[in-house]
Protein backbone atom coordinates (compact mmCIF):
# COMPACT_ATOMS: atom_id res chain seq x y z
CA UNK A 1 125.13 1.46 -137.88
CA UNK A 2 125.35 4.06 -140.64
CA UNK A 3 122.41 4.27 -143.03
CA UNK A 4 121.60 6.27 -146.12
CA UNK A 5 118.33 8.07 -145.30
CA UNK A 6 118.03 10.08 -148.54
CA UNK A 7 114.56 9.92 -150.17
CA UNK A 8 114.92 7.19 -152.82
CA UNK A 9 113.12 8.88 -155.73
CA UNK A 10 114.98 12.13 -155.14
CA UNK A 11 118.30 10.26 -155.22
CA UNK A 12 117.27 8.34 -158.36
CA UNK A 13 116.43 11.62 -160.06
CA UNK A 14 119.75 13.27 -159.14
CA UNK A 15 121.78 10.25 -160.31
CA UNK A 16 119.67 9.65 -163.41
CA UNK A 17 118.66 6.09 -162.45
CA UNK A 18 115.29 4.49 -163.25
CA UNK A 19 113.64 3.41 -159.94
CA UNK A 20 113.02 0.00 -161.57
CA UNK A 21 116.70 -0.96 -161.04
CA UNK A 22 116.05 -0.76 -157.30
CA UNK A 23 112.92 -2.89 -157.53
CA UNK A 24 110.57 0.09 -157.17
CA UNK A 25 107.60 0.52 -159.48
CA UNK A 26 107.15 4.17 -158.52
CA UNK A 27 107.69 7.00 -160.92
CA UNK A 28 108.77 10.51 -160.07
CA UNK A 29 106.68 13.26 -161.67
CA UNK A 30 109.33 15.87 -161.12
CA UNK A 31 111.99 16.53 -163.68
CA UNK A 32 115.66 16.56 -162.88
CA UNK A 33 117.07 20.06 -163.22
CA UNK A 34 119.24 20.54 -166.23
CA UNK A 35 122.71 20.80 -164.78
CA UNK A 36 125.71 22.62 -166.13
CA UNK A 37 128.26 20.66 -168.11
CA UNK A 38 129.94 18.27 -165.69
CA UNK A 39 133.68 17.94 -165.31
CA UNK A 40 135.40 14.61 -165.85
CA UNK A 41 135.75 14.20 -162.09
CA UNK A 42 132.04 14.99 -161.65
CA UNK A 43 131.07 12.23 -164.11
CA UNK A 44 133.37 9.70 -162.41
CA UNK A 45 132.00 10.58 -158.96
CA UNK A 46 128.44 10.22 -160.23
CA UNK A 47 129.13 6.68 -161.50
CA UNK A 48 130.63 5.72 -158.12
CA UNK A 49 127.61 7.19 -156.29
CA UNK A 50 125.27 5.27 -158.61
CA UNK A 51 126.96 1.94 -157.82
CA UNK A 52 127.01 2.67 -154.08
CA UNK A 53 123.34 3.70 -154.10
CA UNK A 54 122.07 0.76 -156.17
CA UNK A 55 123.83 -1.86 -154.02
CA UNK A 56 123.33 -0.01 -150.73
CA UNK A 57 127.04 0.08 -149.88
CA UNK A 58 128.70 2.92 -147.99
CA UNK A 59 132.06 4.49 -148.86
CA UNK A 60 134.44 2.40 -146.71
CA UNK A 61 133.08 -1.05 -147.69
CA UNK A 62 132.90 0.12 -151.33
CA UNK A 63 136.59 1.08 -151.22
CA UNK A 64 137.36 -2.34 -149.71
CA UNK A 65 135.52 -4.03 -152.60
CA UNK A 66 137.63 -1.99 -155.01
CA UNK A 67 140.89 -3.08 -153.31
CA UNK A 68 139.72 -6.71 -153.44
CA UNK A 69 138.81 -6.31 -157.15
CA UNK A 70 142.34 -5.01 -157.88
CA UNK A 71 143.88 -8.17 -156.36
CA UNK A 72 141.75 -10.61 -158.38
CA UNK A 73 143.67 -12.21 -161.25
CA UNK A 74 140.82 -12.62 -163.77
CA UNK A 75 138.95 -9.88 -165.67
CA UNK A 76 139.41 -6.13 -165.46
CA UNK A 77 139.25 -4.29 -162.14
CA UNK A 78 135.92 -2.65 -163.06
CA UNK A 79 134.29 -5.94 -164.03
CA UNK A 80 135.60 -7.64 -160.88
CA UNK A 81 134.16 -4.82 -158.76
CA UNK A 82 130.70 -5.26 -160.30
CA UNK A 83 130.89 -9.06 -159.87
CA UNK A 84 131.88 -8.72 -156.18
CA UNK A 85 128.93 -6.36 -155.58
CA UNK A 86 126.58 -8.71 -157.44
CA UNK A 87 127.64 -11.71 -155.33
CA UNK A 88 126.62 -10.05 -152.04
CA UNK A 89 124.02 -12.17 -150.23
CA UNK A 90 121.45 -9.34 -149.99
CA UNK A 91 121.73 -8.75 -153.75
CA UNK A 92 121.34 -12.48 -154.52
CA UNK A 93 118.19 -12.66 -152.35
CA UNK A 94 116.84 -9.66 -154.31
CA UNK A 95 117.81 -11.21 -157.67
CA UNK A 96 116.10 -14.50 -156.76
CA UNK A 97 112.88 -12.54 -156.19
CA UNK A 98 112.57 -13.13 -152.41
CA UNK A 99 112.61 -9.39 -151.67
CA UNK A 100 111.02 -6.44 -153.47
CA UNK A 101 114.07 -4.18 -153.08
CA UNK A 102 117.71 -4.59 -152.06
CA UNK A 103 116.94 -2.71 -148.83
CA UNK A 104 114.24 -5.26 -148.00
CA UNK A 105 116.66 -8.09 -148.90
CA UNK A 106 119.19 -6.59 -146.50
CA UNK A 107 116.55 -6.52 -143.77
CA UNK A 108 115.47 -10.13 -144.47
CA UNK A 109 119.09 -11.32 -144.20
CA UNK A 110 119.68 -9.23 -141.06
CA UNK A 111 116.56 -10.69 -139.40
CA UNK A 112 117.94 -14.23 -139.80
CA UNK A 113 115.48 -15.48 -142.41
CA UNK A 114 118.10 -16.84 -144.84
CA UNK A 115 120.11 -20.07 -144.84
CA UNK A 116 123.17 -20.57 -147.04
CA UNK A 117 123.97 -24.27 -147.54
CA UNK A 118 121.76 -25.05 -144.53
CA UNK A 119 123.58 -22.62 -142.20
CA UNK A 120 122.04 -19.40 -140.92
CA UNK A 121 123.75 -16.29 -142.32
CA UNK A 122 122.70 -12.83 -141.15
CA UNK A 123 125.43 -10.75 -142.81
CA UNK A 124 124.08 -8.90 -145.89
CA UNK A 125 127.58 -8.45 -147.34
CA UNK A 126 128.35 -12.21 -147.13
CA UNK A 127 129.87 -13.23 -150.46
CA UNK A 128 128.22 -16.26 -152.10
CA UNK A 129 130.08 -18.71 -154.32
CA UNK A 130 128.99 -20.92 -157.24
CA UNK A 131 127.24 -24.01 -155.88
CA UNK A 132 125.84 -22.23 -152.81
CA UNK A 133 122.20 -22.98 -152.00
CA UNK A 134 120.24 -20.03 -150.63
CA UNK A 135 116.86 -20.61 -149.00
CA UNK A 136 114.33 -19.02 -146.69
CA UNK A 137 114.15 -20.64 -143.23
CA UNK A 138 111.71 -23.58 -143.17
CA UNK A 139 109.33 -22.12 -140.56
CA UNK A 140 109.03 -18.85 -142.53
CA UNK A 141 108.27 -20.40 -145.94
CA UNK A 142 104.51 -20.24 -145.36
CA UNK A 143 104.60 -16.67 -143.98
CA UNK A 144 102.26 -14.11 -145.54
CA UNK A 145 105.21 -11.77 -146.10
CA UNK A 146 106.78 -14.09 -148.67
CA UNK A 147 103.46 -14.72 -150.41
CA UNK A 148 103.07 -10.94 -150.81
CA UNK A 149 106.67 -10.58 -152.03
CA UNK A 150 106.30 -13.36 -154.61
CA UNK A 151 103.12 -11.74 -155.93
CA UNK A 152 105.11 -8.59 -156.68
CA UNK A 153 108.34 -10.24 -157.90
CA UNK A 154 106.86 -13.15 -159.86
CA UNK A 155 107.24 -11.38 -163.22
CA UNK A 156 110.85 -10.44 -162.52
CA UNK A 157 113.43 -12.29 -164.59
CA UNK A 158 115.95 -14.30 -162.56
CA UNK A 159 119.47 -13.86 -164.05
CA UNK A 160 120.99 -16.84 -165.92
CA UNK A 161 123.69 -17.33 -163.28
CA UNK A 162 121.03 -18.16 -160.66
CA UNK A 163 118.36 -20.87 -160.45
CA UNK A 164 115.25 -20.06 -158.41
CA UNK A 165 112.64 -22.47 -157.06
CA UNK A 166 109.71 -20.24 -156.02
CA UNK A 167 107.68 -23.21 -154.75
CA UNK A 168 110.24 -24.04 -152.05
CA UNK A 169 111.65 -20.48 -151.69
CA UNK A 170 115.18 -21.54 -152.47
CA UNK A 171 117.75 -20.97 -155.18
CA UNK A 172 121.28 -21.85 -156.19
CA UNK A 173 124.22 -19.88 -157.51
CA UNK A 174 125.17 -21.69 -160.73
CA UNK A 175 128.13 -19.56 -161.78
CA UNK A 176 129.96 -16.29 -161.27
CA UNK A 177 128.08 -13.65 -163.30
CA UNK A 178 129.76 -12.04 -166.29
CA UNK A 179 129.57 -8.25 -166.76
CA UNK A 180 127.09 -8.76 -169.62
CA UNK A 181 124.69 -10.53 -167.21
CA UNK A 182 124.73 -7.62 -164.75
CA UNK A 183 122.03 -5.20 -165.93
CA UNK A 184 123.09 -2.26 -163.75
CA UNK A 185 123.44 1.14 -165.48
CA UNK A 186 126.91 1.88 -164.12
CA UNK A 187 130.05 2.64 -166.11
CA UNK A 188 132.63 0.86 -163.95
CA UNK A 189 135.53 2.19 -166.06
CA UNK A 190 134.81 5.68 -164.67
CA UNK A 191 134.97 4.31 -161.10
CA UNK A 192 138.36 2.70 -161.78
CA UNK A 193 139.64 6.00 -163.21
CA UNK A 194 138.37 7.86 -160.14
CA UNK A 195 140.15 5.54 -157.68
CA UNK A 196 143.36 5.36 -159.68
CA UNK A 197 143.99 9.11 -159.41
């Protein structure tokens, strides 16, 4: 399985992302080097790399999401792409506050800790739908790991399109998120321009 092993803070610095968007409370003391003026292509590529890095998606699946977004009838292609990425199971687990980072959420899903509508799902890229109930497996609800996670994520705001029940470690997807509800610093228009060349 391919994995991105780049040091996270270094990557955040090069892409100009605050580590907070990834669920990290670390700060980098180093300054990003002042780069030369970037070309249009360079700016578009940077936006694509930002989206891929934030959601933990590699090039081929990202391209597949883009093709799927083009086929959807509602919204613009860029908005649809962001919505598809936001509805990934690992991202929803992170948004509900049951993982500190998206990487940890991916691991939790992969280790078979998550049930969707009562069925075990261990595919991080599984796409959730409105009405889906996501919960941590019953026998793991009392685990120390989740107590530690909730201590860290308790202050995190759960998006309006989700409902979280921290007592029972479960949540529901109330609606498909709109682009305004997705607080990711990515300019999806640039990504669409890059792929439409």
